[in-house]
Amino acid sequence: RYFKVEPVKWKVLTNNYNNTGKALMLAEDILTANVPYYVSTSSRTISDNTVYANNYKYSTIRAYLNGKYESDDTQAKTAYVNTGFLQTAFTATAQALIADTEVDNSKETTGFSESTYAADYACENTTDKIFLLSESEVINSDYGFAAYDSYGQGNARIRVSTDFAKANYACQDETAGYGCTWWLRSPNYDDKSNACIVRWCGDVHNYGAVTNETFGVVPALCISLE
């Protein structure tokens, strides 16, 4: 496979993420694909608790982003250990500049907290260097995003696949100004085998099959401004 090597471009969404005084940065493009949200649609039991396939804490994509797994995770914990996005995209010096961020995974971040299932599929907050945006974050006007069902050319949520992402089987719509569907960290509010996505045309959608490997990865991170 051949692809053009391009620098990673980042957009600052806010200089005070969740009142932490940290800058939230989101990649401007689809950086890769071929990473499912989770490798199976099956539920698991971890510490006597049912963990669904759309649980972000124990997801495959979170392990990929940070190059590590939860110690009690039941999925095969070898694929991305110390070889995830964090380790392969940044030098050791750059990694040290990325802040540890408490990531809000509550039911409120799903955008459908009134659903009786939202609390079942939400998970504990995590502390990560690299993470995905939530559904509530990609409809936040303070971050420059439009309403949930807004779509079309010029939509701030649209992300185009890099050559590297295409080489890793990322989808890319052929319509001018459109892009690739990309993962959010929020679970679908009423279906355990689906997670939230931003579609190629820019609108937000709840039914992204967790095992899909053509959806793109758009990492987010925080840096301290102190």
Protein backbone atom coordinates (compact mmCIF):
# COMPACT_ATOMS: atom_id res chain seq x y z
CA ARG A 1 0.00 0.00 0.00
CA TYR A 2 1.22 3.47 -0.86
CA PHE A 3 0.09 6.74 0.67
CA LYS A 4 1.18 10.32 1.04
CA VAL A 5 2.78 11.14 4.39
CA GLU A 6 0.99 14.19 5.77
CA PRO A 7 1.39 16.16 9.01
CA VAL A 8 -1.43 15.82 11.53
CA LYS A 9 -3.48 19.02 11.72
CA TRP A 10 -5.35 19.91 14.91
CA LYS A 11 -8.18 22.35 15.60
CA VAL A 12 -8.57 23.95 19.03
CA LEU A 13 -12.22 23.63 20.05
CA THR A 14 -11.91 25.38 23.40
CA ASN A 15 -9.21 26.73 25.70
CA ASN A 16 -11.08 25.64 28.82
CA TYR A 17 -12.30 22.07 28.36
CA ASN A 18 -14.85 21.20 31.06
CA ASN A 19 -13.49 24.08 33.16
CA THR A 20 -10.09 22.43 33.50
CA GLY A 21 -8.08 25.24 31.92
CA LYS A 22 -6.90 22.79 29.25
CA ALA A 23 -7.16 23.27 25.50
CA LEU A 24 -9.25 20.64 23.70
CA MET A 25 -7.87 19.77 20.27
CA LEU A 26 -9.50 17.65 17.57
CA ALA A 27 -7.82 16.23 14.48
CA GLU A 28 -8.87 18.00 11.30
CA ASP A 29 -8.98 14.80 9.24
CA ILE A 30 -9.75 11.10 9.40
CA LEU A 31 -6.34 9.77 10.45
CA THR A 32 -6.91 6.04 10.15
CA ALA A 33 -9.55 3.30 10.08
CA ASN A 34 -9.60 -0.50 10.38
CA VAL A 35 -10.17 -0.16 14.13
CA PRO A 36 -13.58 -1.32 15.37
CA TYR A 37 -15.28 0.25 18.36
CA TYR A 38 -15.24 -3.26 19.78
CA VAL A 39 -14.24 -6.58 18.21
CA SER A 40 -17.55 -8.31 18.91
CA THR A 41 -21.24 -7.58 19.47
CA SER A 42 -21.29 -9.90 22.49
CA SER A 43 -21.67 -8.72 26.07
CA ARG A 44 -19.15 -9.64 28.77
CA THR A 45 -19.09 -10.03 32.51
CA ILE A 46 -16.33 -8.07 34.26
CA SER A 47 -16.19 -7.93 38.07
CA ASP A 48 -19.72 -9.35 38.18
CA ASN A 49 -21.03 -6.51 36.00
CA THR A 50 -22.46 -6.83 32.51
CA VAL A 51 -20.33 -4.92 30.02
CA TYR A 52 -21.99 -4.32 26.67
CA ALA A 53 -20.25 -4.13 23.32
CA ASN A 54 -20.70 -0.34 23.18
CA ASN A 55 -19.01 0.27 26.54
CA TYR A 56 -16.30 2.88 25.90
CA LYS A 57 -14.16 2.08 28.94
CA TYR A 58 -13.58 -1.47 27.71
CA SER A 59 -13.68 -0.68 23.99
CA THR A 60 -11.09 -1.75 21.44
CA ILE A 61 -10.86 1.74 20.00
CA ARG A 62 -9.95 3.26 23.37
CA ALA A 63 -7.20 0.66 23.76
CA TYR A 64 -5.92 1.58 20.30
CA LEU A 65 -5.92 5.31 20.99
CA ASN A 66 -3.92 5.01 24.21
CA GLY A 67 -1.93 1.84 23.62
CA LYS A 68 -3.20 0.13 26.76
CA TYR A 69 -6.12 -1.85 28.16
CA GLU A 70 -7.90 -1.91 31.50
CA SER A 71 -6.25 -4.48 33.76
CA ASP A 72 -9.47 -6.49 34.08
CA ASP A 73 -10.42 -6.29 30.41
CA THR A 74 -11.44 -9.64 28.96
CA GLN A 75 -10.55 -8.96 25.32
CA ALA A 76 -7.20 -10.14 24.01
CA LYS A 77 -4.84 -7.52 25.45
CA THR A 78 -1.94 -7.74 23.05
CA ALA A 79 -2.87 -5.96 19.82
CA TYR A 80 -2.21 -2.36 20.87
CA VAL A 81 -0.08 -2.49 24.02
CA ASN A 82 2.43 0.37 23.65
CA THR A 83 1.74 0.43 19.91
CA GLY A 84 -1.43 2.51 19.80
CA PHE A 85 -2.02 5.92 18.27
CA LEU A 86 -0.37 7.70 21.20
CA GLN A 87 2.89 5.81 20.80
CA THR A 88 3.04 5.78 17.01
CA ALA A 89 1.91 9.35 16.24
CA PHE A 90 3.93 11.23 18.88
CA THR A 91 7.52 11.31 20.05
CA ALA A 92 8.19 10.69 23.73
CA THR A 93 8.67 14.42 24.19
CA ALA A 94 5.32 15.20 22.56
CA GLN A 95 3.56 12.50 24.59
CA ALA A 96 4.71 14.19 27.78
CA LEU A 97 2.97 17.41 26.70
CA ILE A 98 -0.42 15.71 26.27
CA ALA A 99 -2.50 16.08 29.43
CA ASP A 100 -4.20 13.27 31.29
CA THR A 101 -7.88 14.13 30.89
CA GLU A 102 -10.90 12.90 32.80
CA VAL A 103 -13.30 11.87 30.05
CA ASP A 104 -17.00 12.20 30.83
CA ASN A 105 -18.81 9.00 29.83
CA SER A 106 -22.08 9.67 31.66
CA LYS A 107 -25.50 9.09 30.15
CA GLU A 108 -25.85 12.85 29.65
CA THR A 109 -23.09 12.74 27.02
CA THR A 110 -25.14 10.39 24.82
CA GLY A 111 -27.58 13.16 23.89
CA PHE A 112 -30.50 10.93 24.92
CA SER A 113 -30.21 10.82 28.70
CA GLU A 114 -34.00 10.54 29.01
CA SER A 115 -33.89 7.05 27.50
CA THR A 116 -34.34 4.28 30.06
CA TYR A 117 -31.41 2.44 28.45
CA ALA A 118 -28.95 5.33 28.38
CA ALA A 119 -27.72 4.64 31.92
CA ASP A 120 -27.25 0.94 31.12
CA TYR A 121 -24.92 1.62 28.20
CA ALA A 122 -23.05 4.58 29.66
CA CYS A 123 -19.85 3.71 31.52
CA GLU A 124 -17.57 5.08 34.19
CA ASN A 125 -15.48 8.14 33.45
CA THR A 126 -12.00 7.34 32.16
CA THR A 127 -8.67 9.11 32.37
CA ASP A 128 -6.98 9.21 28.98
CA LYS A 129 -4.44 11.11 26.94
CA ILE A 130 -6.23 10.40 23.65
CA PHE A 131 -10.00 10.02 23.35
CA LEU A 132 -12.98 10.36 21.03
CA LEU A 133 -15.53 13.14 21.26
CA SER A 134 -18.96 12.37 22.69
CA GLU A 135 -22.29 12.92 20.99
CA SER A 136 -23.04 15.94 23.16
CA GLU A 137 -19.67 17.47 22.31
CA VAL A 138 -20.15 17.30 18.53
CA ILE A 139 -23.41 19.26 18.78
CA ASN A 140 -21.90 21.89 21.10
CA SER A 141 -22.20 25.29 19.44
CA ASP A 142 -19.42 26.63 21.70
CA TYR A 143 -17.09 24.24 19.86
CA GLY A 144 -18.27 25.51 16.49
CA PHE A 145 -20.64 22.62 15.72
CA ALA A 146 -24.18 22.76 14.36
CA ALA A 147 -27.33 21.01 15.59
CA TYR A 148 -27.63 17.23 15.70
CA ASP A 149 -29.33 16.71 12.34
CA SER A 150 -27.55 19.48 10.45
CA TYR A 151 -25.62 18.21 7.43
CA GLY A 152 -24.22 19.22 4.06
CA GLN A 153 -21.21 20.92 2.56
CA GLY A 154 -19.47 23.23 4.99
CA ASN A 155 -20.67 21.37 8.08
CA ALA A 156 -17.94 21.67 10.72
CA ARG A 157 -18.24 17.98 11.64
CA ILE A 158 -17.26 16.71 8.19
CA ARG A 159 -13.86 15.04 8.16
CA VAL A 160 -12.05 13.82 5.02
CA SER A 161 -9.93 10.67 4.93
CA THR A 162 -6.17 11.07 4.63
CA ASP A 163 -4.29 8.84 2.21
CA PHE A 164 -3.11 6.79 5.20
CA ALA A 165 -6.70 6.32 6.35
CA LYS A 166 -7.75 5.23 2.86
CA ALA A 167 -4.88 2.73 2.84
CA ASN A 168 -6.41 1.38 6.05
CA TYR A 169 -9.81 0.91 4.39
CA ALA A 170 -11.48 4.13 5.50
CA CYS A 171 -14.62 4.96 3.57
CA GLN A 172 -14.74 8.26 1.65
CA ASP A 173 -17.84 9.69 0.00
CA GLU A 174 -17.27 10.80 -3.57
CA THR A 175 -19.52 13.85 -3.27
CA ALA A 176 -17.53 17.08 -3.29
CA GLY A 177 -17.22 18.55 0.20
CA TYR A 178 -18.23 15.34 1.96
CA GLY A 179 -16.00 12.97 3.91
CA CYS A 180 -15.89 9.74 5.87
CA THR A 181 -18.07 8.46 8.68
CA TRP A 182 -16.20 8.62 12.00
CA TRP A 183 -16.55 7.22 15.50
CA LEU A 184 -17.79 8.97 18.63
CA ARG A 185 -17.29 7.49 22.08
CA SER A 186 -20.97 7.60 23.09
CA PRO A 187 -23.00 4.38 23.01
CA ASN A 188 -26.26 4.13 21.16
CA TYR A 189 -28.91 4.97 23.74
CA ASP A 190 -31.08 1.89 23.12
CA ASP A 191 -28.99 -0.72 21.32
CA LYS A 192 -26.03 -2.48 22.93
CA SER A 193 -24.31 -3.38 19.64
CA ASN A 194 -24.18 0.14 18.21
CA ALA A 195 -22.26 3.30 19.03
CA CYS A 196 -22.63 6.89 17.86
CA ILE A 197 -21.02 8.21 14.70
CA VAL A 198 -20.77 11.32 12.57
CA ARG A 199 -21.77 10.44 9.04
CA TRP A 200 -19.92 11.43 5.86
CA CYS A 201 -22.37 14.31 5.30
CA GLY A 202 -21.91 15.77 8.77
CA ASP A 203 -25.01 14.74 10.70
CA VAL A 204 -24.86 12.71 13.92
CA HIS A 205 -26.18 9.17 13.92
CA ASN A 206 -26.77 6.54 16.60
CA TYR A 207 -26.48 3.31 14.66
CA GLY A 208 -22.83 2.57 14.06
CA ALA A 209 -22.27 -1.18 14.30
CA VAL A 210 -19.45 -1.64 16.83
CA THR A 211 -17.61 -4.15 14.64
CA ASN A 212 -17.44 -1.84 11.60
CA GLU A 213 -13.84 -1.27 10.47
CA THR A 214 -14.42 1.28 7.69
CA PHE A 215 -15.45 4.11 10.02
CA GLY A 216 -12.72 6.65 10.56
CA VAL A 217 -10.81 7.62 13.70
CA VAL A 218 -10.65 11.31 14.65
CA PRO A 219 -8.61 11.57 17.86
CA ALA A 220 -9.00 14.32 20.44
CA LEU A 221 -6.58 15.38 23.16
CA CYS A 222 -5.95 18.10 25.70
CA ILE A 223 -2.88 20.14 26.49
CA SER A 224 -2.31 22.26 29.55
CA LEU A 225 -2.08 26.00 29.01
CA GLU A 226 -0.43 26.66 32.35
